Amino acid sequence: MKKKIMIEGMSCGHCSNHVKDALMELEEVKEVTVDLAGKNAVVELSQEVTDEVLKEVIEEAGYDFQGVAGL
């Protein structure tokens, strides 16, 4: 299962790495691809993670969660 998280506030490679590291801390996340220019991150999940949990991770990392789309 994959989800695309729309994120505002990332401005550099450090930001995208910070988002990736934060998401990878979730046990259910197998892989993360961050698109800095596209302002999103695609997460591959081993099992369902609620959008609320993803929102919390993004906001705790210091970025603005804009929503999730299934892929």
PDB file of N, CA and C in Angstrom:
ATOM      1  N   MET A   1       0.840  -1.164   0.000  1.00  0.00           N
ATOM      2  CA  MET A   1       0.000   0.000   0.000  1.00  0.00           C
ATOM      3  C   MET A   1       0.893   1.237   0.000  1.00  0.00           C
ATOM      4  N   LYS A   2       0.507   2.222  -0.797  1.00  0.00           N
ATOM      5  CA  LYS A   2       1.248   3.489  -0.842  1.00  0.00           C
ATOM      6  C   LYS A   2       0.296   4.646  -0.589  1.00  0.00           C
ATOM      7  N   LYS A   3       0.829   5.666   0.045  1.00  0.00           N
ATOM      8  CA  LYS A   3       0.092   6.909   0.255  1.00  0.00           C
ATOM      9  C   LYS A   3       0.993   8.076  -0.119  1.00  0.00           C
ATOM     10  N   LYS A   4       0.399   9.091  -0.684  1.00  0.00           N
ATOM     11  CA  LYS A   4       1.114  10.316  -1.043  1.00  0.00           C
ATOM     12  C   LYS A   4       0.694  11.406  -0.064  1.00  0.00           C
ATOM     13  N   ILE A   5       1.671  11.948   0.652  1.00  0.00           N
ATOM     14  CA  ILE A   5       1.411  12.980   1.653  1.00  0.00           C
ATOM     15  C   ILE A   5       1.824  14.325   1.075  1.00  0.00           C
ATOM     16  N   MET A   6       0.905  15.262   1.036  1.00  0.00           N
ATOM     17  CA  MET A   6       1.199  16.606   0.563  1.00  0.00           C
ATOM     18  C   MET A   6       1.726  17.425   1.747  1.00  0.00           C
ATOM     19  N   ILE A   7       2.889  18.076   1.543  1.00  0.00           N
ATOM     20  CA  ILE A   7       3.594  18.750   2.638  1.00  0.00           C
ATOM     21  C   ILE A   7       4.039  20.140   2.201  1.00  0.00           C
ATOM     22  N   GLU A   8       3.793  21.121   3.030  1.00  0.00           N
ATOM     23  CA  GLU A   8       4.287  22.485   2.801  1.00  0.00           C
ATOM     24  C   GLU A   8       5.396  22.775   3.807  1.00  0.00           C
ATOM     25  N   GLY A   9       6.337  23.619   3.405  1.00  0.00           N
ATOM     26  CA  GLY A   9       7.369  24.076   4.328  1.00  0.00           C
ATOM     27  C   GLY A   9       8.744  23.490   4.089  1.00  0.00           C
ATOM     28  N   MET A  10       8.858  22.528   3.179  1.00  0.00           N
ATOM     29  CA  MET A  10      10.180  21.968   2.869  1.00  0.00           C
ATOM     30  C   MET A  10      10.857  22.884   1.858  1.00  0.00           C
ATOM     31  N   SER A  11      12.116  23.256   2.137  1.00  0.00           N
ATOM     32  CA  SER A  11      12.788  24.198   1.225  1.00  0.00           C
ATOM     33  C   SER A  11      14.165  23.741   0.756  1.00  0.00           C
ATOM     34  N   CYS A  12      14.648  22.595   1.284  1.00  0.00           N
ATOM     35  CA  CYS A  12      16.000  22.169   0.910  1.00  0.00           C
ATOM     36  C   CYS A  12      16.150  20.665   1.115  1.00  0.00           C
ATOM     37  N   GLY A  13      17.316  20.163   0.758  1.00  0.00           N
ATOM     38  CA  GLY A  13      17.594  18.746   0.924  1.00  0.00           C
ATOM     39  C   GLY A  13      17.547  18.298   2.373  1.00  0.00           C
ATOM     40  N   HIS A  14      17.985  19.172   3.277  1.00  0.00           N
ATOM     41  CA  HIS A  14      17.923  18.836   4.693  1.00  0.00           C
ATOM     42  C   HIS A  14      16.475  18.615   5.119  1.00  0.00           C
ATOM     43  N   CYS A  15      15.572  19.464   4.627  1.00  0.00           N
ATOM     44  CA  CYS A  15      14.146  19.335   4.958  1.00  0.00           C
ATOM     45  C   CYS A  15      13.601  17.996   4.480  1.00  0.00           C
ATOM     46  N   SER A  16      13.912  17.636   3.235  1.00  0.00           N
ATOM     47  CA  SER A  16      13.385  16.379   2.702  1.00  0.00           C
ATOM     48  C   SER A  16      13.967  15.192   3.464  1.00  0.00           C
ATOM     49  N   ASN A  17      15.227  15.255   3.852  1.00  0.00           N
ATOM     50  CA  ASN A  17      15.824  14.176   4.646  1.00  0.00           C
ATOM     51  C   ASN A  17      15.190  14.087   6.029  1.00  0.00           C
ATOM     52  N   HIS A  18      14.870  15.235   6.606  1.00  0.00           N
ATOM     53  CA  HIS A  18      14.238  15.270   7.927  1.00  0.00           C
ATOM     54  C   HIS A  18      12.854  14.611   7.860  1.00  0.00           C
ATOM     55  N   VAL A  19      12.088  14.922   6.815  1.00  0.00           N
ATOM     56  CA  VAL A  19      10.764  14.315   6.634  1.00  0.00           C
ATOM     57  C   VAL A  19      10.910  12.802   6.440  1.00  0.00           C
ATOM     58  N   LYS A  20      11.842  12.393   5.593  1.00  0.00           N
ATOM     59  CA  LYS A  20      12.050  10.967   5.341  1.00  0.00           C
ATOM     60  C   LYS A  20      12.409  10.238   6.627  1.00  0.00           C
ATOM     61  N   ASP A  21      13.348  10.778   7.393  1.00  0.00           N
ATOM     62  CA  ASP A  21      13.771  10.147   8.644  1.00  0.00           C
ATOM     63  C   ASP A  21      12.610  10.036   9.631  1.00  0.00           C
ATOM     64  N   ALA A  22      11.796  11.079   9.722  1.00  0.00           N
ATOM     65  CA  ALA A  22      10.658  11.074  10.645  1.00  0.00           C
ATOM     66  C   ALA A  22       9.660   9.991  10.258  1.00  0.00           C
ATOM     67  N   LEU A  23       9.365   9.875   8.972  1.00  0.00           N
ATOM     68  CA  LEU A  23       8.406   8.868   8.514  1.00  0.00           C
ATOM     69  C   LEU A  23       8.955   7.448   8.670  1.00  0.00           C
ATOM     70  N   MET A  24      10.251   7.281   8.456  1.00  0.00           N
ATOM     71  CA  MET A  24      10.866   5.955   8.568  1.00  0.00           C
ATOM     72  C   MET A  24      10.851   5.433  10.004  1.00  0.00           C
ATOM     73  N   GLU A  25      10.638   6.296  10.969  1.00  0.00           N
ATOM     74  CA  GLU A  25      10.554   5.859  12.363  1.00  0.00           C
ATOM     75  C   GLU A  25       9.287   5.055  12.634  1.00  0.00           C
ATOM     76  N   LEU A  26       8.284   5.204  11.764  1.00  0.00           N
ATOM     77  CA  LEU A  26       7.062   4.413  11.928  1.00  0.00           C
ATOM     78  C   LEU A  26       7.341   2.973  11.519  1.00  0.00           C
ATOM     79  N   GLU A  27       6.963   2.045  12.359  1.00  0.00           N
ATOM     80  CA  GLU A  27       7.208   0.620  12.131  1.00  0.00           C
ATOM     81  C   GLU A  27       6.595   0.126  10.815  1.00  0.00           C
ATOM     82  N   GLU A  28       5.447   0.684  10.435  1.00  0.00           N
ATOM     83  CA  GLU A  28       4.726   0.219   9.250  1.00  0.00           C
ATOM     84  C   GLU A  28       5.289   0.753   7.934  1.00  0.00           C
ATOM     85  N   VAL A  29       6.205   1.720   8.001  1.00  0.00           N
ATOM     86  CA  VAL A  29       6.749   2.335   6.786  1.00  0.00           C
ATOM     87  C   VAL A  29       7.926   1.507   6.280  1.00  0.00           C
ATOM     88  N   LYS A  30       7.821   1.067   5.015  1.00  0.00           N
ATOM     89  CA  LYS A  30       8.892   0.273   4.402  1.00  0.00           C
ATOM     90  C   LYS A  30       9.844   1.152   3.596  1.00  0.00           C
ATOM     91  N   GLU A  31       9.292   2.174   2.948  1.00  0.00           N
ATOM     92  CA  GLU A  31      10.111   3.040   2.095  1.00  0.00           C
ATOM     93  C   GLU A  31       9.458   4.417   1.998  1.00  0.00           C
ATOM     94  N   VAL A  32      10.303   5.452   1.857  1.00  0.00           N
ATOM     95  CA  VAL A  32       9.822   6.828   1.697  1.00  0.00           C
ATOM     96  C   VAL A  32      10.578   7.470   0.550  1.00  0.00           C
ATOM     97  N   THR A  33       9.832   8.133  -0.330  1.00  0.00           N
ATOM     98  CA  THR A  33      10.428   8.928  -1.400  1.00  0.00           C
ATOM     99  C   THR A  33       9.879  10.344  -1.267  1.00  0.00           C
ATOM    100  N   VAL A  34      10.768  11.309  -1.042  1.00  0.00           N
ATOM    101  CA  VAL A  34      10.346  12.698  -0.872  1.00  0.00           C
ATOM    102  C   VAL A  34      10.637  13.465  -2.155  1.00  0.00           C
ATOM    103  N   ASP A  35       9.623  14.198  -2.630  1.00  0.00           N
ATOM    104  CA  ASP A  35       9.753  15.045  -3.817  1.00  0.00           C
ATOM    105  C   ASP A  35       9.705  16.497  -3.335  1.00  0.00           C
ATOM    106  N   LEU A  36      10.874  17.103  -3.185  1.00  0.00           N
ATOM    107  CA  LEU A  36      10.967  18.465  -2.666  1.00  0.00           C
ATOM    108  C   LEU A  36      10.221  19.447  -3.564  1.00  0.00           C
ATOM    109  N   ALA A  37      10.450  19.369  -4.873  1.00  0.00           N
ATOM    110  CA  ALA A  37       9.799  20.283  -5.819  1.00  0.00           C
ATOM    111  C   ALA A  37       8.292  20.066  -5.866  1.00  0.00           C
ATOM    112  N   GLY A  38       7.867  18.808  -5.745  1.00  0.00           N
ATOM    113  CA  GLY A  38       6.444  18.490  -5.789  1.00  0.00           C
ATOM    114  C   GLY A  38       5.736  18.657  -4.457  1.00  0.00           C
ATOM    115  N   LYS A  39       6.504  18.969  -3.415  1.00  0.00           N
ATOM    116  CA  LYS A  39       5.973  19.189  -2.073  1.00  0.00           C
ATOM    117  C   LYS A  39       5.179  17.990  -1.563  1.00  0.00           C
ATOM    118  N   ASN A  40       5.781  16.783  -1.722  1.00  0.00           N
ATOM    119  CA  ASN A  40       5.088  15.599  -1.235  1.00  0.00           C
ATOM    120  C   ASN A  40       6.077  14.510  -0.852  1.00  0.00           C
ATOM    121  N   ALA A  41       5.538  13.516  -0.192  1.00  0.00           N
ATOM    122  CA  ALA A  41       6.298  12.315   0.145  1.00  0.00           C
ATOM    123  C   ALA A  41       5.404  11.123  -0.148  1.00  0.00           C
ATOM    124  N   VAL A  42       5.967  10.108  -0.795  1.00  0.00           N
ATOM    125  CA  VAL A  42       5.238   8.868  -1.034  1.00  0.00           C
ATOM    126  C   VAL A  42       5.785   7.830  -0.063  1.00  0.00           C
ATOM    127  N   VAL A  43       4.883   7.252   0.724  1.00  0.00           N
ATOM    128  CA  VAL A  43       5.283   6.235   1.690  1.00  0.00           C
ATOM    129  C   VAL A  43       4.725   4.883   1.260  1.00  0.00           C
ATOM    130  N   GLU A  44       5.577   3.876   1.315  1.00  0.00           N
ATOM    131  CA  GLU A  44       5.138   2.506   1.072  1.00  0.00           C
ATOM    132  C   GLU A  44       4.977   1.855   2.434  1.00  0.00           C
ATOM    133  N   LEU A  45       3.793   1.305   2.663  1.00  0.00           N
ATOM    134  CA  LEU A  45       3.438   0.781   3.980  1.00  0.00           C
ATOM    135  C   LEU A  45       3.282  -0.734   3.974  1.00  0.00           C
ATOM    136  N   SER A  46       3.697  -1.360   5.059  1.00  0.00           N
ATOM    137  CA  SER A  46       3.503  -2.799   5.205  1.00  0.00           C
ATOM    138  C   SER A  46       2.093  -3.102   5.704  1.00  0.00           C
ATOM    139  N   GLN A  47       1.488  -2.119   6.370  1.00  0.00           N
ATOM    140  CA  GLN A  47       0.102  -2.231   6.829  1.00  0.00           C
ATOM    141  C   GLN A  47      -0.465  -0.830   6.986  1.00  0.00           C
ATOM    142  N   GLU A  48      -1.781  -0.745   7.162  1.00  0.00           N
ATOM    143  CA  GLU A  48      -2.464   0.549   7.210  1.00  0.00           C
ATOM    144  C   GLU A  48      -1.938   1.433   8.342  1.00  0.00           C
ATOM    145  N   VAL A  49      -1.753   2.701   8.002  1.00  0.00           N
ATOM    146  CA  VAL A  49      -1.445   3.746   8.968  1.00  0.00           C
ATOM    147  C   VAL A  49      -2.474   4.841   8.735  1.00  0.00           C
ATOM    148  N   THR A  50      -3.101   5.318   9.793  1.00  0.00           N
ATOM    149  CA  THR A  50      -4.132   6.340   9.605  1.00  0.00           C
ATOM    150  C   THR A  50      -3.514   7.651   9.143  1.00  0.00           C
ATOM    151  N   ASP A  51      -4.319   8.430   8.434  1.00  0.00           N
ATOM    152  CA  ASP A  51      -3.865   9.736   7.981  1.00  0.00           C
ATOM    153  C   ASP A  51      -3.532  10.626   9.174  1.00  0.00           C
ATOM    154  N   GLU A  52      -4.232  10.446  10.273  1.00  0.00           N
ATOM    155  CA  GLU A  52      -3.987  11.246  11.480  1.00  0.00           C
ATOM    156  C   GLU A  52      -2.579  10.984  12.022  1.00  0.00           C
ATOM    157  N   VAL A  53      -2.140   9.731  11.989  1.00  0.00           N
ATOM    158  CA  VAL A  53      -0.785   9.401  12.455  1.00  0.00           C
ATOM    159  C   VAL A  53       0.244  10.049  11.535  1.00  0.00           C
ATOM    160  N   LEU A  54       0.023   9.969  10.225  1.00  0.00           N
ATOM    161  CA  LEU A  54       0.946  10.600   9.271  1.00  0.00           C
ATOM    162  C   LEU A  54       0.994  12.112   9.490  1.00  0.00           C
ATOM    163  N   LYS A  55      -0.162  12.701   9.737  1.00  0.00           N
ATOM    164  CA  LYS A  55      -0.235  14.144  10.001  1.00  0.00           C
ATOM    165  C   LYS A  55       0.599  14.498  11.233  1.00  0.00           C
ATOM    166  N   GLU A  56       0.455  13.723  12.293  1.00  0.00           N
ATOM    167  CA  GLU A  56       1.202  13.985  13.525  1.00  0.00           C
ATOM    168  C   GLU A  56       2.710  13.925  13.280  1.00  0.00           C
ATOM    169  N   VAL A  57       3.159  12.932  12.522  1.00  0.00           N
ATOM    170  CA  VAL A  57       4.591  12.788  12.244  1.00  0.00           C
ATOM    171  C   VAL A  57       5.117  13.998  11.478  1.00  0.00           C
ATOM    172  N   ILE A  58       4.394  14.418  10.449  1.00  0.00           N
ATOM    173  CA  ILE A  58       4.809  15.565   9.631  1.00  0.00           C
ATOM    174  C   ILE A  58       4.838  16.837  10.466  1.00  0.00           C
ATOM    175  N   GLU A  59       3.799  17.061  11.253  1.00  0.00           N
ATOM    176  CA  GLU A  59       3.731  18.282  12.062  1.00  0.00           C
ATOM    177  C   GLU A  59       4.758  18.273  13.184  1.00  0.00           C
ATOM    178  N   GLU A  60       5.031  17.112  13.781  1.00  0.00           N
ATOM    179  CA  GLU A  60       6.060  17.037  14.821  1.00  0.00           C
ATOM    180  C   GLU A  60       7.444  17.300  14.239  1.00  0.00           C
ATOM    181  N   ALA A  61       7.618  16.990  12.950  1.00  0.00           N
ATOM    182  CA  ALA A  61       8.891  17.256  12.275  1.00  0.00           C
ATOM    183  C   ALA A  61       9.023  18.741  11.909  1.00  0.00           C
ATOM    184  N   GLY A  62       7.930  19.498  12.055  1.00  0.00           N
ATOM    185  CA  GLY A  62       7.991  20.940  11.826  1.00  0.00           C
ATOM    186  C   GLY A  62       7.469  21.407  10.481  1.00  0.00           C
ATOM    187  N   TYR A  63       6.696  20.566   9.797  1.00  0.00           N
ATOM    188  CA  TYR A  63       6.182  20.930   8.468  1.00  0.00           C
ATOM    189  C   TYR A  63       4.668  20.934   8.471  1.00  0.00           C
ATOM    190  N   ASP A  64       4.087  21.513   7.430  1.00  0.00           N
ATOM    191  CA  ASP A  64       2.634  21.641   7.343  1.00  0.00           C
ATOM    192  C   ASP A  64       2.033  20.504   6.514  1.00  0.00           C
ATOM    193  N   PHE A  65       1.226  19.687   7.164  1.00  0.00           N
ATOM    194  CA  PHE A  65       0.526  18.582   6.523  1.00  0.00           C
ATOM    195  C   PHE A  65      -0.627  19.150   5.705  1.00  0.00           C
ATOM    196  N   GLN A  66      -0.704  18.787   4.424  1.00  0.00           N
ATOM    197  CA  GLN A  66      -1.735  19.323   3.539  1.00  0.00           C
ATOM    198  C   GLN A  66      -2.759  18.275   3.112  1.00  0.00           C
ATOM    199  N   GLY A  67      -2.524  17.018   3.454  1.00  0.00           N
ATOM    200  CA  GLY A  67      -3.475  15.973   3.098  1.00  0.00           C
ATOM    201  C   GLY A  67      -2.783  14.726   2.582  1.00  0.00           C
ATOM    202  N   VAL A  68      -3.599  13.672   2.385  1.00  0.00           N
ATOM    203  CA  VAL A  68      -3.082  12.394   1.918  1.00  0.00           C
ATOM    204  C   VAL A  68      -3.938  11.905   0.754  1.00  0.00           C
ATOM    205  N   ALA A  69      -3.281  11.321  -0.230  1.00  0.00           N
ATOM    206  CA  ALA A  69      -3.974  10.690  -1.347  1.00  0.00           C
ATOM    207  C   ALA A  69      -3.466   9.255  -1.464  1.00  0.00           C
ATOM    208  N   GLY A  70      -4.375   8.326  -1.658  1.00  0.00           N
ATOM    209  CA  GLY A  70      -3.965   6.942  -1.886  1.00  0.00           C
ATOM    210  C   GLY A  70      -3.362   6.814  -3.285  1.00  0.00           C
ATOM    211  N   LEU A  71      -2.486   5.844  -3.463  1.00  0.00           N
ATOM    212  CA  LEU A  71      -1.882   5.611  -4.778  1.00  0.00           C
ATOM    213  C   LEU A  71      -2.215   4.211  -5.249  1.00  0.00           C
TER     214      LEU A  71
END
